PDB file of N, CA and C in Angstrom:
ATOM      1  N   UNK A   1     171.522  -7.078 -17.225  1.00  0.00           N
ATOM      2  CA  UNK A   1     171.287  -6.731 -15.845  1.00  0.00           C
ATOM      3  C   UNK A   1     172.343  -5.708 -15.389  1.00  0.00           C
ATOM      4  N   UNK A   2     171.903  -4.668 -14.744  1.00  0.00           N
ATOM      5  CA  UNK A   2     172.806  -3.625 -14.255  1.00  0.00           C
ATOM      6  C   UNK A   2     173.566  -4.142 -13.037  1.00  0.00           C
ATOM      7  N   UNK A   3     174.872  -3.877 -13.028  1.00  0.00           N
ATOM      8  CA  UNK A   3     175.734  -4.287 -11.926  1.00  0.00           C
ATOM      9  C   UNK A   3     176.498  -3.082 -11.387  1.00  0.00           C
ATOM     10  N   UNK A   4     177.037  -3.244 -10.199  1.00  0.00           N
ATOM     11  CA  UNK A   4     177.865  -2.226  -9.555  1.00  0.00           C
ATOM     12  C   UNK A   4     179.261  -2.796  -9.366  1.00  0.00           C
ATOM     13  N   UNK A   5     180.276  -2.038  -9.778  1.00  0.00           N
ATOM     14  CA  UNK A   5     181.661  -2.427  -9.542  1.00  0.00           C
ATOM     15  C   UNK A   5     182.387  -1.343  -8.769  1.00  0.00           C
ATOM     16  N   UNK A   6     183.200  -1.753  -7.821  1.00  0.00           N
ATOM     17  CA  UNK A   6     184.179  -0.893  -7.174  1.00  0.00           C
ATOM     18  C   UNK A   6     185.504  -1.215  -7.855  1.00  0.00           C
ATOM     19  N   UNK A   7     186.092  -0.216  -8.490  1.00  0.00           N
ATOM     20  CA  UNK A   7     187.303  -0.410  -9.284  1.00  0.00           C
ATOM     21  C   UNK A   7     188.440   0.386  -8.643  1.00  0.00           C
ATOM     22  N   UNK A   8     189.593  -0.259  -8.480  1.00  0.00           N
ATOM     23  CA  UNK A   8     190.756   0.361  -7.864  1.00  0.00           C
ATOM     24  C   UNK A   8     191.894   0.345  -8.883  1.00  0.00           C
ATOM     25  N   UNK A   9     192.360   1.531  -9.268  1.00  0.00           N
ATOM     26  CA  UNK A   9     193.381   1.655 -10.307  1.00  0.00           C
ATOM     27  C   UNK A   9     194.668   2.166  -9.667  1.00  0.00           C
ATOM     28  N   UNK A  10     195.737   1.375  -9.774  1.00  0.00           N
ATOM     29  CA  UNK A  10     197.030   1.694  -9.181  1.00  0.00           C
ATOM     30  C   UNK A  10     198.041   2.056 -10.259  1.00  0.00           C
ATOM     31  N   UNK A  11     199.008   2.855  -9.885  1.00  0.00           N
ATOM     32  CA  UNK A  11     200.077   3.240 -10.798  1.00  0.00           C
ATOM     33  C   UNK A  11     200.223   4.748 -10.828  1.00  0.00           C
ATOM     34  N   UNK A  12     200.770   5.262 -11.922  1.00  0.00           N
ATOM     35  CA  UNK A  12     200.916   6.708 -12.105  1.00  0.00           C
ATOM     36  C   UNK A  12     199.599   7.217 -12.697  1.00  0.00           C
ATOM     37  N   UNK A  13     198.595   7.375 -11.812  1.00  0.00           N
ATOM     38  CA  UNK A  13     197.241   7.709 -12.269  1.00  0.00           C
ATOM     39  C   UNK A  13     196.708   8.978 -11.597  1.00  0.00           C
ATOM     40  N   UNK A  14     197.542   9.643 -10.809  1.00  0.00           N
ATOM     41  CA  UNK A  14     197.121  10.880 -10.157  1.00  0.00           C
ATOM     42  C   UNK A  14     197.890  12.050 -10.764  1.00  0.00           C
ATOM     43  N   UNK A  15     197.174  13.138 -11.054  1.00  0.00           N
ATOM     44  CA  UNK A  15     197.807  14.314 -11.630  1.00  0.00           C
ATOM     45  C   UNK A  15     198.121  14.180 -13.104  1.00  0.00           C
ATOM     46  N   UNK A  16     197.501  13.197 -13.758  1.00  0.00           N
ATOM     47  CA  UNK A  16     197.763  12.962 -15.184  1.00  0.00           C
ATOM     48  C   UNK A  16     196.478  12.993 -16.016  1.00  0.00           C
ATOM     49  N   UNK A  17     195.396  13.471 -15.425  1.00  0.00           N
ATOM     50  CA  UNK A  17     194.129  13.565 -16.148  1.00  0.00           C
ATOM     51  C   UNK A  17     193.316  12.286 -16.172  1.00  0.00           C
ATOM     52  N   UNK A  18     193.663  11.337 -15.307  1.00  0.00           N
ATOM     53  CA  UNK A  18     192.954  10.056 -15.317  1.00  0.00           C
ATOM     54  C   UNK A  18     191.480  10.237 -14.978  1.00  0.00           C
ATOM     55  N   UNK A  19     191.176  11.020 -13.946  1.00  0.00           N
ATOM     56  CA  UNK A  19     189.778  11.180 -13.530  1.00  0.00           C
ATOM     57  C   UNK A  19     188.936  11.826 -14.631  1.00  0.00           C
ATOM     58  N   UNK A  20     189.451  12.862 -15.248  1.00  0.00           N
ATOM     59  CA  UNK A  20     188.697  13.529 -16.323  1.00  0.00           C
ATOM     60  C   UNK A  20     188.487  12.585 -17.507  1.00  0.00           C
ATOM     61  N   UNK A  21     189.506  11.815 -17.849  1.00  0.00           N
ATOM     62  CA  UNK A  21     189.385  10.855 -18.950  1.00  0.00           C
ATOM     63  C   UNK A  21     188.400   9.754 -18.595  1.00  0.00           C
ATOM     64  N   UNK A  22     188.452   9.268 -17.346  1.00  0.00           N
ATOM     65  CA  UNK A  22     187.519   8.222 -16.909  1.00  0.00           C
ATOM     66  C   UNK A  22     186.086   8.725 -16.986  1.00  0.00           C
ATOM     67  N   UNK A  23     185.868   9.970 -16.587  1.00  0.00           N
ATOM     68  CA  UNK A  23     184.523  10.541 -16.654  1.00  0.00           C
ATOM     69  C   UNK A  23     184.036  10.614 -18.094  1.00  0.00           C
ATOM     70  N   UNK A  24     184.891  11.064 -18.999  1.00  0.00           N
ATOM     71  CA  UNK A  24     184.507  11.167 -20.411  1.00  0.00           C
ATOM     72  C   UNK A  24     184.162   9.804 -20.996  1.00  0.00           C
ATOM     73  N   UNK A  25     184.978   8.798 -20.698  1.00  0.00           N
ATOM     74  CA  UNK A  25     184.729   7.444 -21.202  1.00  0.00           C
ATOM     75  C   UNK A  25     183.448   6.885 -20.591  1.00  0.00           C
ATOM     76  N   UNK A  26     183.285   7.054 -19.287  1.00  0.00           N
ATOM     77  CA  UNK A  26     182.089   6.551 -18.610  1.00  0.00           C
ATOM     78  C   UNK A  26     180.825   7.189 -19.177  1.00  0.00           C
ATOM     79  N   UNK A  27     180.853   8.496 -19.371  1.00  0.00           N
ATOM     80  CA  UNK A  27     179.679   9.175 -19.922  1.00  0.00           C
ATOM     81  C   UNK A  27     179.395   8.704 -21.342  1.00  0.00           C
ATOM     82  N   UNK A  28     180.425   8.477 -22.119  1.00  0.00           N
ATOM     83  CA  UNK A  28     180.253   7.981 -23.487  1.00  0.00           C
ATOM     84  C   UNK A  28     179.623   6.588 -23.500  1.00  0.00           C
ATOM     85  N   UNK A  29     179.960   5.767 -22.507  1.00  0.00           N
ATOM     86  CA  UNK A  29     179.427   4.408 -22.426  1.00  0.00           C
ATOM     87  C   UNK A  29     178.088   4.331 -21.698  1.00  0.00           C
ATOM     88  N   UNK A  30     177.678   5.434 -21.063  1.00  0.00           N
ATOM     89  CA  UNK A  30     176.422   5.428 -20.315  1.00  0.00           C
ATOM     90  C   UNK A  30     176.544   4.860 -18.915  1.00  0.00           C
ATOM     91  N   UNK A  31     177.737   4.946 -18.340  1.00  0.00           N
ATOM     92  CA  UNK A  31     177.987   4.433 -17.000  1.00  0.00           C
ATOM     93  C   UNK A  31     177.676   5.519 -15.977  1.00  0.00           C
ATOM     94  N   UNK A  32     177.062   5.126 -14.880  1.00  0.00           N
ATOM     95  CA  UNK A  32     176.766   6.037 -13.786  1.00  0.00           C
ATOM     96  C   UNK A  32     177.687   5.716 -12.612  1.00  0.00           C
ATOM     97  N   UNK A  33     178.048   6.742 -11.835  1.00  0.00           N
ATOM     98  CA  UNK A  33     178.894   6.534 -10.670  1.00  0.00           C
ATOM     99  C   UNK A  33     179.808   7.712 -10.440  1.00  0.00           C
ATOM    100  N   UNK A  34     181.043   7.417 -10.000  1.00  0.00           N
ATOM    101  CA  UNK A  34     182.010   8.489  -9.761  1.00  0.00           C
ATOM    102  C   UNK A  34     183.428   7.955  -9.804  1.00  0.00           C
ATOM    103  N   UNK A  35     184.369   8.899  -9.874  1.00  0.00           N
ATOM    104  CA  UNK A  35     185.792   8.600  -9.794  1.00  0.00           C
ATOM    105  C   UNK A  35     186.402   9.592  -8.814  1.00  0.00           C
ATOM    106  N   UNK A  36     187.358   9.104  -7.994  1.00  0.00           N
ATOM    107  CA  UNK A  36     188.035  10.003  -7.058  1.00  0.00           C
ATOM    108  C   UNK A  36     189.408   9.454  -6.711  1.00  0.00           C
ATOM    109  N   UNK A  37     190.295  10.353  -6.289  1.00  0.00           N
ATOM    110  CA  UNK A  37     191.603   9.948  -5.792  1.00  0.00           C
ATOM    111  C   UNK A  37     191.443   9.418  -4.376  1.00  0.00           C
ATOM    112  N   UNK A  38     192.209   8.403  -4.071  1.00  0.00           N
ATOM    113  CA  UNK A  38     192.176   7.817  -2.722  1.00  0.00           C
ATOM    114  C   UNK A  38     193.574   7.310  -2.404  1.00  0.00           C
ATOM    115  N   UNK A  39     194.287   8.026  -1.579  1.00  0.00           N
ATOM    116  CA  UNK A  39     195.629   7.580  -1.212  1.00  0.00           C
ATOM    117  C   UNK A  39     196.531   7.420  -2.422  1.00  0.00           C
ATOM    118  N   UNK A  40     197.022   6.209  -2.624  1.00  0.00           N
ATOM    119  CA  UNK A  40     197.944   5.938  -3.732  1.00  0.00           C
ATOM    120  C   UNK A  40     197.254   5.433  -4.990  1.00  0.00           C
ATOM    121  N   UNK A  41     195.940   5.487  -5.030  1.00  0.00           N
ATOM    122  CA  UNK A  41     195.234   4.946  -6.194  1.00  0.00           C
ATOM    123  C   UNK A  41     194.007   5.788  -6.510  1.00  0.00           C
ATOM    124  N   UNK A  42     193.346   5.430  -7.586  1.00  0.00           N
ATOM    125  CA  UNK A  42     192.075   6.042  -7.981  1.00  0.00           C
ATOM    126  C   UNK A  42     190.991   5.000  -7.757  1.00  0.00           C
ATOM    127  N   UNK A  43     189.884   5.413  -7.163  1.00  0.00           N
ATOM    128  CA  UNK A  43     188.748   4.505  -6.988  1.00  0.00           C
ATOM    129  C   UNK A  43     187.602   4.980  -7.867  1.00  0.00           C
ATOM    130  N   UNK A  44     186.944   4.015  -8.471  1.00  0.00           N
ATOM    131  CA  UNK A  44     185.787   4.284  -9.316  1.00  0.00           C
ATOM    132  C   UNK A  44     184.648   3.397  -8.840  1.00  0.00           C
ATOM    133  N   UNK A  45     183.490   3.988  -8.654  1.00  0.00           N
ATOM    134  CA  UNK A  45     182.275   3.208  -8.456  1.00  0.00           C
ATOM    135  C   UNK A  45     181.486   3.364  -9.739  1.00  0.00           C
ATOM    136  N   UNK A  46     181.154   2.255 -10.376  1.00  0.00           N
ATOM    137  CA  UNK A  46     180.519   2.297 -11.684  1.00  0.00           C
ATOM    138  C   UNK A  46     179.329   1.349 -11.741  1.00  0.00           C
ATOM    139  N   UNK A  47     178.251   1.823 -12.379  1.00  0.00           N
ATOM    140  CA  UNK A  47     177.053   1.008 -12.550  1.00  0.00           C
ATOM    141  C   UNK A  47     176.592   1.063 -13.995  1.00  0.00           C
ATOM    142  N   UNK A  48     176.412  -0.129 -14.553  1.00  0.00           N
ATOM    143  CA  UNK A  48     175.952  -0.264 -15.942  1.00  0.00           C
ATOM    144  C   UNK A  48     175.709  -1.750 -16.218  1.00  0.00           C
ATOM    145  N   UNK A  49     175.321  -2.039 -17.443  1.00  0.00           N
ATOM    146  CA  UNK A  49     175.191  -3.429 -17.873  1.00  0.00           C
ATOM    147  C   UNK A  49     176.565  -4.102 -17.833  1.00  0.00           C
ATOM    148  N   UNK A  50     176.577  -5.400 -17.626  1.00  0.00           N
ATOM    149  CA  UNK A  50     177.830  -6.140 -17.465  1.00  0.00           C
ATOM    150  C   UNK A  50     178.789  -5.958 -18.646  1.00  0.00           C
ATOM    151  N   UNK A  51     178.290  -6.038 -19.871  1.00  0.00           N
ATOM    152  CA  UNK A  51     179.158  -5.875 -21.050  1.00  0.00           C
ATOM    153  C   UNK A  51     179.790  -4.491 -21.079  1.00  0.00           C
ATOM    154  N   UNK A  52     179.021  -3.482 -20.706  1.00  0.00           N
ATOM    155  CA  UNK A  52     179.528  -2.108 -20.673  1.00  0.00           C
ATOM    156  C   UNK A  52     180.613  -1.973 -19.620  1.00  0.00           C
ATOM    157  N   UNK A  53     180.397  -2.563 -18.452  1.00  0.00           N
ATOM    158  CA  UNK A  53     181.408  -2.525 -17.403  1.00  0.00           C
ATOM    159  C   UNK A  53     182.673  -3.265 -17.825  1.00  0.00           C
ATOM    160  N   UNK A  54     182.530  -4.358 -18.552  1.00  0.00           N
ATOM    161  CA  UNK A  54     183.698  -5.084 -19.062  1.00  0.00           C
ATOM    162  C   UNK A  54     184.524  -4.179 -19.977  1.00  0.00           C
ATOM    163  N   UNK A  55     183.853  -3.441 -20.858  1.00  0.00           N
ATOM    164  CA  UNK A  55     184.553  -2.506 -21.755  1.00  0.00           C
ATOM    165  C   UNK A  55     185.257  -1.413 -20.959  1.00  0.00           C
ATOM    166  N   UNK A  56     184.589  -0.899 -19.939  1.00  0.00           N
ATOM    167  CA  UNK A  56     185.173   0.151 -19.116  1.00  0.00           C
ATOM    168  C   UNK A  56     186.391  -0.372 -18.346  1.00  0.00           C
ATOM    169  N   UNK A  57     186.305  -1.595 -17.832  1.00  0.00           N
ATOM    170  CA  UNK A  57     187.454  -2.193 -17.142  1.00  0.00           C
ATOM    171  C   UNK A  57     188.655  -2.314 -18.068  1.00  0.00           C
ATOM    172  N   UNK A  58     188.412  -2.685 -19.307  1.00  0.00           N
ATOM    173  CA  UNK A  58     189.512  -2.774 -20.277  1.00  0.00           C
ATOM    174  C   UNK A  58     190.156  -1.405 -20.473  1.00  0.00           C
ATOM    175  N   UNK A  59     189.330  -0.354 -20.554  1.00  0.00           N
ATOM    176  CA  UNK A  59     189.878   0.992 -20.686  1.00  0.00           C
ATOM    177  C   UNK A  59     190.688   1.342 -19.432  1.00  0.00           C
ATOM    178  N   UNK A  60     190.177   1.012 -18.256  1.00  0.00           N
ATOM    179  CA  UNK A  60     190.870   1.330 -17.004  1.00  0.00           C
ATOM    180  C   UNK A  60     192.263   0.704 -16.957  1.00  0.00           C
ATOM    181  N   UNK A  61     192.440  -0.433 -17.577  1.00  0.00           N
ATOM    182  CA  UNK A  61     193.743  -1.108 -17.575  1.00  0.00           C
ATOM    183  C   UNK A  61     194.780  -0.338 -18.381  1.00  0.00           C
ATOM    184  N   UNK A  62     194.332   0.539 -19.272  1.00  0.00           N
ATOM    185  CA  UNK A  62     195.231   1.370 -20.079  1.00  0.00           C
ATOM    186  C   UNK A  62     195.206   2.820 -19.604  1.00  0.00           C
ATOM    187  N   UNK A  63     193.988   3.346 -19.392  1.00  0.00           N
ATOM    188  CA  UNK A  63     193.830   4.739 -18.996  1.00  0.00           C
ATOM    189  C   UNK A  63     194.190   5.668 -20.145  1.00  0.00           C
ATOM    190  N   UNK A  64     194.260   6.963 -19.862  1.00  0.00           N
ATOM    191  CA  UNK A  64     194.659   7.920 -20.897  1.00  0.00           C
ATOM    192  C   UNK A  64     196.151   7.764 -21.200  1.00  0.00           C
ATOM    193  N   UNK A  65     196.598   8.344 -22.303  1.00  0.00           N
ATOM    194  CA  UNK A  65     198.003   8.221 -22.706  1.00  0.00           C
ATOM    195  C   UNK A  65     198.973   8.710 -21.638  1.00  0.00           C
ATOM    196  N   UNK A  66     198.553   9.681 -20.834  1.00  0.00           N
ATOM    197  CA  UNK A  66     199.435  10.273 -19.832  1.00  0.00           C
ATOM    198  C   UNK A  66     199.594   9.414 -18.578  1.00  0.00           C
ATOM    199  N   UNK A  67     198.785   8.388 -18.436  1.00  0.00           N
ATOM    200  CA  UNK A  67     198.818   7.538 -17.238  1.00  0.00           C
ATOM    201  C   UNK A  67     199.672   6.290 -17.470  1.00  0.00           C
ATOM    202  N   UNK A  68     200.156   5.742 -16.362  1.00  0.00           N
ATOM    203  CA  UNK A  68     200.858   4.451 -16.403  1.00  0.00           C
ATOM    204  C   UNK A  68     200.182   3.540 -15.384  1.00  0.00           C
ATOM    205  N   UNK A  69     199.229   2.766 -15.845  1.00  0.00           N
ATOM    206  CA  UNK A  69     198.464   1.880 -14.973  1.00  0.00           C
ATOM    207  C   UNK A  69     199.296   0.632 -14.692  1.00  0.00           C
ATOM    208  N   UNK A  70     199.463   0.327 -13.413  1.00  0.00           N
ATOM    209  CA  UNK A  70     200.213  -0.856 -13.012  1.00  0.00           C
ATOM    210  C   UNK A  70     199.297  -2.028 -12.684  1.00  0.00           C
ATOM    211  N   UNK A  71     198.131  -1.727 -12.088  1.00  0.00           N
ATOM    212  CA  UNK A  71     197.241  -2.804 -11.662  1.00  0.00           C
ATOM    213  C   UNK A  71     195.827  -2.258 -11.516  1.00  0.00           C
ATOM    214  N   UNK A  72     194.845  -3.093 -11.853  1.00  0.00           N
ATOM    215  CA  UNK A  72     193.437  -2.760 -11.649  1.00  0.00           C
ATOM    216  C   UNK A  72     192.788  -3.913 -10.887  1.00  0.00           C
ATOM    217  N   UNK A  73     192.229  -3.598  -9.730  1.00  0.00           N
ATOM    218  CA  UNK A  73     191.449  -4.560  -8.957  1.00  0.00           C
ATOM    219  C   UNK A  73     189.997  -4.112  -8.985  1.00  0.00           C
ATOM    220  N   UNK A  74     189.095  -5.057  -8.848  1.00  0.00           N
ATOM    221  CA  UNK A  74     187.680  -4.681  -8.796  1.00  0.00           C
ATOM    222  C   UNK A  74     186.901  -5.738  -8.046  1.00  0.00           C
ATOM    223  N   UNK A  75     185.753  -5.298  -7.534  1.00  0.00           N
ATOM    224  CA  UNK A  75     184.845  -6.228  -6.868  1.00  0.00           C
ATOM    225  C   UNK A  75     183.424  -5.745  -7.105  1.00  0.00           C
ATOM    226  N   UNK A  76     182.501  -6.684  -7.097  1.00  0.00           N
ATOM    227  CA  UNK A  76     181.092  -6.326  -7.245  1.00  0.00           C
ATOM    228  C   UNK A  76     180.578  -5.763  -5.937  1.00  0.00           C
ATOM    229  N   UNK A  77     179.669  -4.812  -6.059  1.00  0.00           N
ATOM    230  CA  UNK A  77     179.068  -4.214  -4.879  1.00  0.00           C
ATOM    231  C   UNK A  77     177.566  -4.103  -5.055  1.00  0.00           C
ATOM    232  N   UNK A  78     176.935  -3.418  -4.121  1.00  0.00           N
ATOM    233  CA  UNK A  78     175.489  -3.229  -4.157  1.00  0.00           C
ATOM    234  C   UNK A  78     175.140  -2.009  -5.001  1.00  0.00           C
ATOM    235  N   UNK A  79     174.085  -2.109  -5.769  1.00  0.00           N
ATOM    236  CA  UNK A  79     173.635  -0.981  -6.587  1.00  0.00           C
ATOM    237  C   UNK A  79     173.303   0.214  -5.714  1.00  0.00           C
ATOM    238  N   UNK A  80     173.722   1.375  -6.166  1.00  0.00           N
ATOM    239  CA  UNK A  80     173.429   2.626  -5.469  1.00  0.00           C
ATOM    240  C   UNK A  80     172.560   3.551  -6.322  1.00  0.00           C
ATOM    241  N   UNK A  81     172.279   3.143  -7.543  1.00  0.00           N
ATOM    242  CA  UNK A  81     171.423   3.879  -8.476  1.00  0.00           C
ATOM    243  C   UNK A  81     171.883   5.325  -8.670  1.00  0.00           C
ATOM    244  N   UNK A  82     173.144   5.483  -9.062  1.00  0.00           N
ATOM    245  CA  UNK A  82     173.667   6.806  -9.374  1.00  0.00           C
ATOM    246  C   UNK A  82     172.889   7.405 -10.542  1.00  0.00           C
ATOM    247  N   UNK A  83     172.808   8.723 -10.604  1.00  0.00           N
ATOM    248  CA  UNK A  83     172.074   9.403 -11.685  1.00  0.00           C
ATOM    249  C   UNK A  83     172.976  10.030 -12.720  1.00  0.00           C
ATOM    250  N   UNK A  84     174.289  10.049 -12.424  1.00  0.00           N
ATOM    251  CA  UNK A  84     175.274  10.624 -13.353  1.00  0.00           C
ATOM    252  C   UNK A  84     176.635  10.034 -13.022  1.00  0.00           C
ATOM    253  N   UNK A  85     177.626  10.433 -13.791  1.00  0.00           N
ATOM    254  CA  UNK A  85     178.996  10.057 -13.472  1.00  0.00           C
ATOM    255  C   UNK A  85     179.748  11.341 -13.160  1.00  0.00           C
ATOM    256  N   UNK A  86     180.369  11.369 -11.984  1.00  0.00           N
ATOM    257  CA  UNK A  86     181.004  12.613 -11.559  1.00  0.00           C
ATOM    258  C   UNK A  86     182.412  12.365 -11.039  1.00  0.00           C
ATOM    259  N   UNK A  87     183.152  13.463 -10.937  1.00  0.00           N
ATOM    260  CA  UNK A  87     184.480  13.462 -10.335  1.00  0.00           C
ATOM    261  C   UNK A  87     184.327  14.005  -8.918  1.00  0.00           C
ATOM    262  N   UNK A  88     184.789  13.266  -7.948  1.00  0.00           N
ATOM    263  CA  UNK A  88     184.723  13.728  -6.554  1.00  0.00           C
ATOM    264  C   UNK A  88     186.090  14.175  -6.079  1.00  0.00           C
TER     265      UNK A  88
END
Protein backbone atom coordinates (compact mmCIF):
# COMPACT_ATOMS: atom_id res chain seq x y z
CA UNK A 1 0.00 0.00 0.00
CA UNK A 2 1.35 3.43 -0.95
CA UNK A 3 1.92 5.79 1.97
CA UNK A 4 2.89 9.44 2.40
CA UNK A 5 5.59 10.55 4.82
CA UNK A 6 6.65 14.03 5.87
CA UNK A 7 10.32 13.68 6.77
CA UNK A 8 12.33 16.30 8.67
CA UNK A 9 16.13 15.99 8.57
CA UNK A 10 18.18 18.04 11.05
CA UNK A 11 21.90 18.64 11.25
CA UNK A 12 24.54 19.82 8.79
CA UNK A 13 22.30 19.08 5.79
CA UNK A 14 22.17 22.42 3.96
CA UNK A 15 24.78 23.41 1.38
CA UNK A 16 26.28 19.92 1.34
CA UNK A 17 24.38 18.35 -1.57
CA UNK A 18 21.76 16.66 0.59
CA UNK A 19 18.82 17.64 -1.63
CA UNK A 20 20.49 16.45 -4.84
CA UNK A 21 21.51 13.17 -3.19
CA UNK A 22 18.01 12.68 -1.75
CA UNK A 23 16.51 13.20 -5.21
CA UNK A 24 18.88 10.66 -6.77
CA UNK A 25 18.13 8.06 -4.09
CA UNK A 26 14.38 8.71 -4.25
CA UNK A 27 14.33 8.38 -8.03
CA UNK A 28 16.35 5.17 -7.83
CA UNK A 29 13.82 3.74 -5.35
CA UNK A 30 10.78 4.96 -7.30
CA UNK A 31 9.67 7.45 -4.66
CA UNK A 32 7.53 10.42 -5.66
CA UNK A 33 7.49 13.77 -3.85
CA UNK A 34 9.98 16.55 -3.18
CA UNK A 35 12.81 17.80 -1.01
CA UNK A 36 13.41 21.40 0.08
CA UNK A 37 15.28 23.48 2.62
CA UNK A 38 13.17 24.84 5.44
CA UNK A 39 14.75 26.98 8.13
CA UNK A 40 17.29 24.87 10.01
CA UNK A 41 16.34 21.56 8.41
CA UNK A 42 15.45 19.79 5.19
CA UNK A 43 11.88 18.63 4.63
CA UNK A 44 10.95 15.77 2.35
CA UNK A 45 7.49 14.71 1.30
CA UNK A 46 7.71 11.16 -0.01
CA UNK A 47 5.19 8.67 -1.37
CA UNK A 48 5.85 5.01 -2.06
CA UNK A 49 5.24 1.53 -0.72
CA UNK A 50 5.95 1.18 3.01
CA UNK A 51 9.07 -1.00 2.57
CA UNK A 52 10.50 1.50 0.08
CA UNK A 53 9.86 4.38 2.47
CA UNK A 54 11.55 2.42 5.27
CA UNK A 55 14.66 2.06 3.08
CA UNK A 56 14.59 5.76 2.23
CA UNK A 57 14.27 6.70 5.92
CA UNK A 58 17.36 4.63 6.67
CA UNK A 59 19.25 6.53 3.96
CA UNK A 60 17.99 9.86 5.37
CA UNK A 61 19.53 8.99 8.75
CA UNK A 62 22.97 8.92 7.06
CA UNK A 63 22.56 11.17 4.02
CA UNK A 64 25.42 11.74 1.59
CA UNK A 65 29.02 11.59 2.84
CA UNK A 66 29.18 15.39 3.00
CA UNK A 67 26.24 15.67 5.43
CA UNK A 68 26.13 15.25 9.19
CA UNK A 69 22.61 14.16 10.09
CA UNK A 70 21.77 14.71 13.75
CA UNK A 71 18.10 13.71 13.82
CA UNK A 72 15.32 12.52 11.51
CA UNK A 73 11.66 12.96 12.45
CA UNK A 74 8.76 11.80 10.33
CA UNK A 75 5.00 11.52 10.34
CA UNK A 76 2.43 9.97 8.06
CA UNK A 77 0.37 12.31 5.95
CA UNK A 78 -2.31 12.26 3.29
CA UNK A 79 -1.46 11.05 -0.21
CA UNK A 80 -0.93 13.84 -2.70
CA UNK A 81 -0.22 11.59 -5.71
CA UNK A 82 3.01 13.24 -6.81
CA UNK A 83 4.12 12.40 -10.37
CA UNK A 84 7.87 12.82 -9.85
CA UNK A 85 10.46 13.61 -7.23
CA UNK A 86 11.78 17.14 -7.39
CA UNK A 87 13.94 19.66 -5.58
CA UNK A 88 12.06 22.79 -4.54
